[in-house]
Amino acid sequence: PRRRLDFGPDFIKMNKKSQGKVTNARNVSKFRKLNNFRLGPKSTSSVSQRSETPSLQEKTHGRKSRVEAETVRDLMQNKFELDWVREQAYRLERQAKRAERGQMQRR
């Protein structure tokens, strides 16, 4: 027998289908028992389903997002780490130079 992979509940689809129907906790549990929305495997096609400008399509709570998608993606992938390391090195150099000047002036 083939083992079926479970990718977990699809909360986005569940939220869309439950709008206006579910108003309290009791209705939520009934709705979830009657409707089993599951995630499927991710698409592995080489052609992107998104357009070239993903920031125009990004939405948060049903409204267009004001945050650039690339910036958030870069942040999540830790692409700003090198900039931070350089800034810290520069800050430490400045502190060391100030300390040197302070010692020279005291002599």
C-alpha atoms as a PDB file:
ATOM      1  CA  PRO A   1       0.000   0.000   0.000  1.00  0.00           C
ATOM      2  CA  ARG A   2       1.215   3.487  -0.887  1.00  0.00           C
ATOM      3  CA  ARG A   3       1.602   5.840   2.026  1.00  0.00           C
ATOM      4  CA  ARG A   4      -0.203   9.119   1.474  1.00  0.00           C
ATOM      5  CA  LEU A   5       1.722  12.205   2.535  1.00  0.00           C
ATOM      6  CA  ASP A   6      -0.108  14.637   4.778  1.00  0.00           C
ATOM      7  CA  PHE A   7       0.898  18.267   4.266  1.00  0.00           C
ATOM      8  CA  GLY A   8      -1.382  19.567   7.028  1.00  0.00           C
ATOM      9  CA  PRO A   9      -4.513  21.705   7.021  1.00  0.00           C
ATOM     10  CA  ASP A  10      -4.956  24.465   4.454  1.00  0.00           C
ATOM     11  CA  PHE A  11      -5.922  27.323   6.757  1.00  0.00           C
ATOM     12  CA  ILE A  12      -6.126  29.875   3.953  1.00  0.00           C
ATOM     13  CA  LYS A  13      -8.731  27.875   2.038  1.00  0.00           C
ATOM     14  CA  MET A  14     -10.542  27.081   5.302  1.00  0.00           C
ATOM     15  CA  ASN A  15     -10.699  30.786   6.207  1.00  0.00           C
ATOM     16  CA  LYS A  16     -12.071  31.746   2.788  1.00  0.00           C
ATOM     17  CA  LYS A  17     -14.784  29.063   2.897  1.00  0.00           C
ATOM     18  CA  SER A  18     -15.805  29.834   6.479  1.00  0.00           C
ATOM     19  CA  GLN A  19     -16.338  33.590   6.073  1.00  0.00           C
ATOM     20  CA  GLY A  20     -19.834  34.538   7.194  1.00  0.00           C
ATOM     21  CA  LYS A  21     -20.693  30.966   8.220  1.00  0.00           C
ATOM     22  CA  VAL A  22     -18.609  30.538  11.359  1.00  0.00           C
ATOM     23  CA  THR A  23     -19.195  33.038  14.140  1.00  0.00           C
ATOM     24  CA  ASN A  24     -18.246  31.277  17.387  1.00  0.00           C
ATOM     25  CA  ALA A  25     -16.045  28.483  18.744  1.00  0.00           C
ATOM     26  CA  ARG A  26     -18.760  25.821  18.549  1.00  0.00           C
ATOM     27  CA  ASN A  27     -19.353  26.577  14.878  1.00  0.00           C
ATOM     28  CA  VAL A  28     -15.588  26.469  14.227  1.00  0.00           C
ATOM     29  CA  SER A  29     -15.255  22.916  15.567  1.00  0.00           C
ATOM     30  CA  LYS A  30     -18.302  21.752  13.588  1.00  0.00           C
ATOM     31  CA  PHE A  31     -17.014  23.415  10.417  1.00  0.00           C
ATOM     32  CA  ARG A  32     -13.575  21.808  10.780  1.00  0.00           C
ATOM     33  CA  LYS A  33     -15.094  18.361  11.350  1.00  0.00           C
ATOM     34  CA  LEU A  34     -17.327  18.638   8.271  1.00  0.00           C
ATOM     35  CA  ASN A  35     -14.757  20.285   5.962  1.00  0.00           C
ATOM     36  CA  ASN A  36     -11.311  18.776   5.658  1.00  0.00           C
ATOM     37  CA  PHE A  37      -9.179  21.187   3.610  1.00  0.00           C
ATOM     38  CA  ARG A  38      -5.670  19.755   3.259  1.00  0.00           C
ATOM     39  CA  LEU A  39      -2.553  21.155   1.652  1.00  0.00           C
ATOM     40  CA  GLY A  40      -1.225  19.408  -1.423  1.00  0.00           C
ATOM     41  CA  PRO A  41       2.383  19.041  -2.528  1.00  0.00           C
ATOM     42  CA  LYS A  42       4.056  22.182  -3.841  1.00  0.00           C
ATOM     43  CA  SER A  43       4.225  22.668  -7.577  1.00  0.00           C
ATOM     44  CA  THR A  44       7.527  21.554  -9.039  1.00  0.00           C
ATOM     45  CA  SER A  45       7.066  23.012 -12.498  1.00  0.00           C
ATOM     46  CA  SER A  46       9.917  25.115 -13.810  1.00  0.00           C
ATOM     47  CA  VAL A  47       7.593  27.873 -15.016  1.00  0.00           C
ATOM     48  CA  SER A  48       6.771  30.373 -12.314  1.00  0.00           C
ATOM     49  CA  GLN A  49       3.081  30.907 -11.675  1.00  0.00           C
ATOM     50  CA  ARG A  50       3.701  34.446 -10.439  1.00  0.00           C
ATOM     51  CA  SER A  51       4.351  37.449 -12.592  1.00  0.00           C
ATOM     52  CA  GLU A  52       7.659  39.307 -12.656  1.00  0.00           C
ATOM     53  CA  THR A  53       6.509  41.814  -9.996  1.00  0.00           C
ATOM     54  CA  PRO A  54       5.492  39.788  -6.930  1.00  0.00           C
ATOM     55  CA  SER A  55       5.234  42.890  -4.732  1.00  0.00           C
ATOM     56  CA  LEU A  56       2.141  43.986  -6.636  1.00  0.00           C
ATOM     57  CA  GLN A  57       0.376  40.734  -5.823  1.00  0.00           C
ATOM     58  CA  GLU A  58       1.336  40.413  -2.157  1.00  0.00           C
ATOM     59  CA  LYS A  59      -1.640  40.771   0.152  1.00  0.00           C
ATOM     60  CA  THR A  60      -2.019  40.886   3.888  1.00  0.00           C
ATOM     61  CA  HIS A  61      -5.442  40.304   5.411  1.00  0.00           C
ATOM     62  CA  GLY A  62      -7.040  40.710   1.982  1.00  0.00           C
ATOM     63  CA  ARG A  63      -5.434  44.098   1.320  1.00  0.00           C
ATOM     64  CA  LYS A  64      -2.428  44.942  -0.765  1.00  0.00           C
ATOM     65  CA  SER A  65       0.716  44.921   1.313  1.00  0.00           C
ATOM     66  CA  ARG A  66       2.751  48.110   1.591  1.00  0.00           C
ATOM     67  CA  VAL A  67       5.965  46.195   2.274  1.00  0.00           C
ATOM     68  CA  GLU A  68       8.115  45.285  -0.696  1.00  0.00           C
ATOM     69  CA  ALA A  69       8.115  41.494  -1.052  1.00  0.00           C
ATOM     70  CA  GLU A  70      11.792  41.429  -2.029  1.00  0.00           C
ATOM     71  CA  THR A  71      12.794  43.245   1.159  1.00  0.00           C
ATOM     72  CA  VAL A  72      10.903  40.808   3.355  1.00  0.00           C
ATOM     73  CA  ARG A  73      12.280  37.847   1.415  1.00  0.00           C
ATOM     74  CA  ASP A  74      15.826  39.193   1.777  1.00  0.00           C
ATOM     75  CA  LEU A  75      15.277  39.683   5.495  1.00  0.00           C
ATOM     76  CA  MET A  76      13.979  36.145   5.942  1.00  0.00           C
ATOM     77  CA  GLN A  77      16.939  34.733   4.010  1.00  0.00           C
ATOM     78  CA  ASN A  78      19.384  36.699   6.190  1.00  0.00           C
ATOM     79  CA  LYS A  79      20.871  38.635   3.274  1.00  0.00           C
ATOM     80  CA  PHE A  80      21.493  41.699   5.438  1.00  0.00           C
ATOM     81  CA  GLU A  81      23.922  39.896   7.742  1.00  0.00           C
ATOM     82  CA  LEU A  82      27.029  40.990   5.816  1.00  0.00           C
ATOM     83  CA  ASP A  83      25.922  44.637   5.950  1.00  0.00           C
ATOM     84  CA  TRP A  84      25.379  44.336   9.708  1.00  0.00           C
ATOM     85  CA  VAL A  85      28.829  42.760  10.235  1.00  0.00           C
ATOM     86  CA  ARG A  86      30.477  45.581   8.239  1.00  0.00           C
ATOM     87  CA  GLU A  87      28.605  48.225  10.236  1.00  0.00           C
ATOM     88  CA  GLN A  88      29.677  46.635  13.530  1.00  0.00           C
ATOM     89  CA  ALA A  89      33.326  46.484  12.407  1.00  0.00           C
ATOM     90  CA  TYR A  90      33.179  50.149  11.348  1.00  0.00           C
ATOM     91  CA  ARG A  91      31.594  51.123  14.688  1.00  0.00           C
ATOM     92  CA  LEU A  92      34.301  49.273  16.636  1.00  0.00           C
ATOM     93  CA  GLU A  93      37.038  50.971  14.587  1.00  0.00           C
ATOM     94  CA  ARG A  94      35.562  54.399  15.351  1.00  0.00           C
ATOM     95  CA  GLN A  95      35.375  53.584  19.055  1.00  0.00           C
ATOM     96  CA  ALA A  96      39.004  52.457  19.064  1.00  0.00           C
ATOM     97  CA  LYS A  97      40.122  55.675  17.311  1.00  0.00           C
ATOM     98  CA  ARG A  98      38.187  57.797  19.800  1.00  0.00           C
ATOM     99  CA  ALA A  99      39.786  55.919  22.684  1.00  0.00           C
ATOM    100  CA  GLU A 100      43.246  56.510  21.145  1.00  0.00           C
ATOM    101  CA  ARG A 101      42.577  60.237  20.763  1.00  0.00           C
ATOM    102  CA  GLY A 102      41.351  60.399  24.349  1.00  0.00           C
ATOM    103  CA  GLN A 103      44.562  58.792  25.626  1.00  0.00           C
ATOM    104  CA  MET A 104      46.751  61.101  23.494  1.00  0.00           C
ATOM    105  CA  GLN A 105      45.003  64.198  24.778  1.00  0.00           C
ATOM    106  CA  ARG A 106      45.477  63.131  28.399  1.00  0.00           C
ATOM    107  CA  ARG A 107      49.265  62.930  28.025  1.00  0.00           C
END
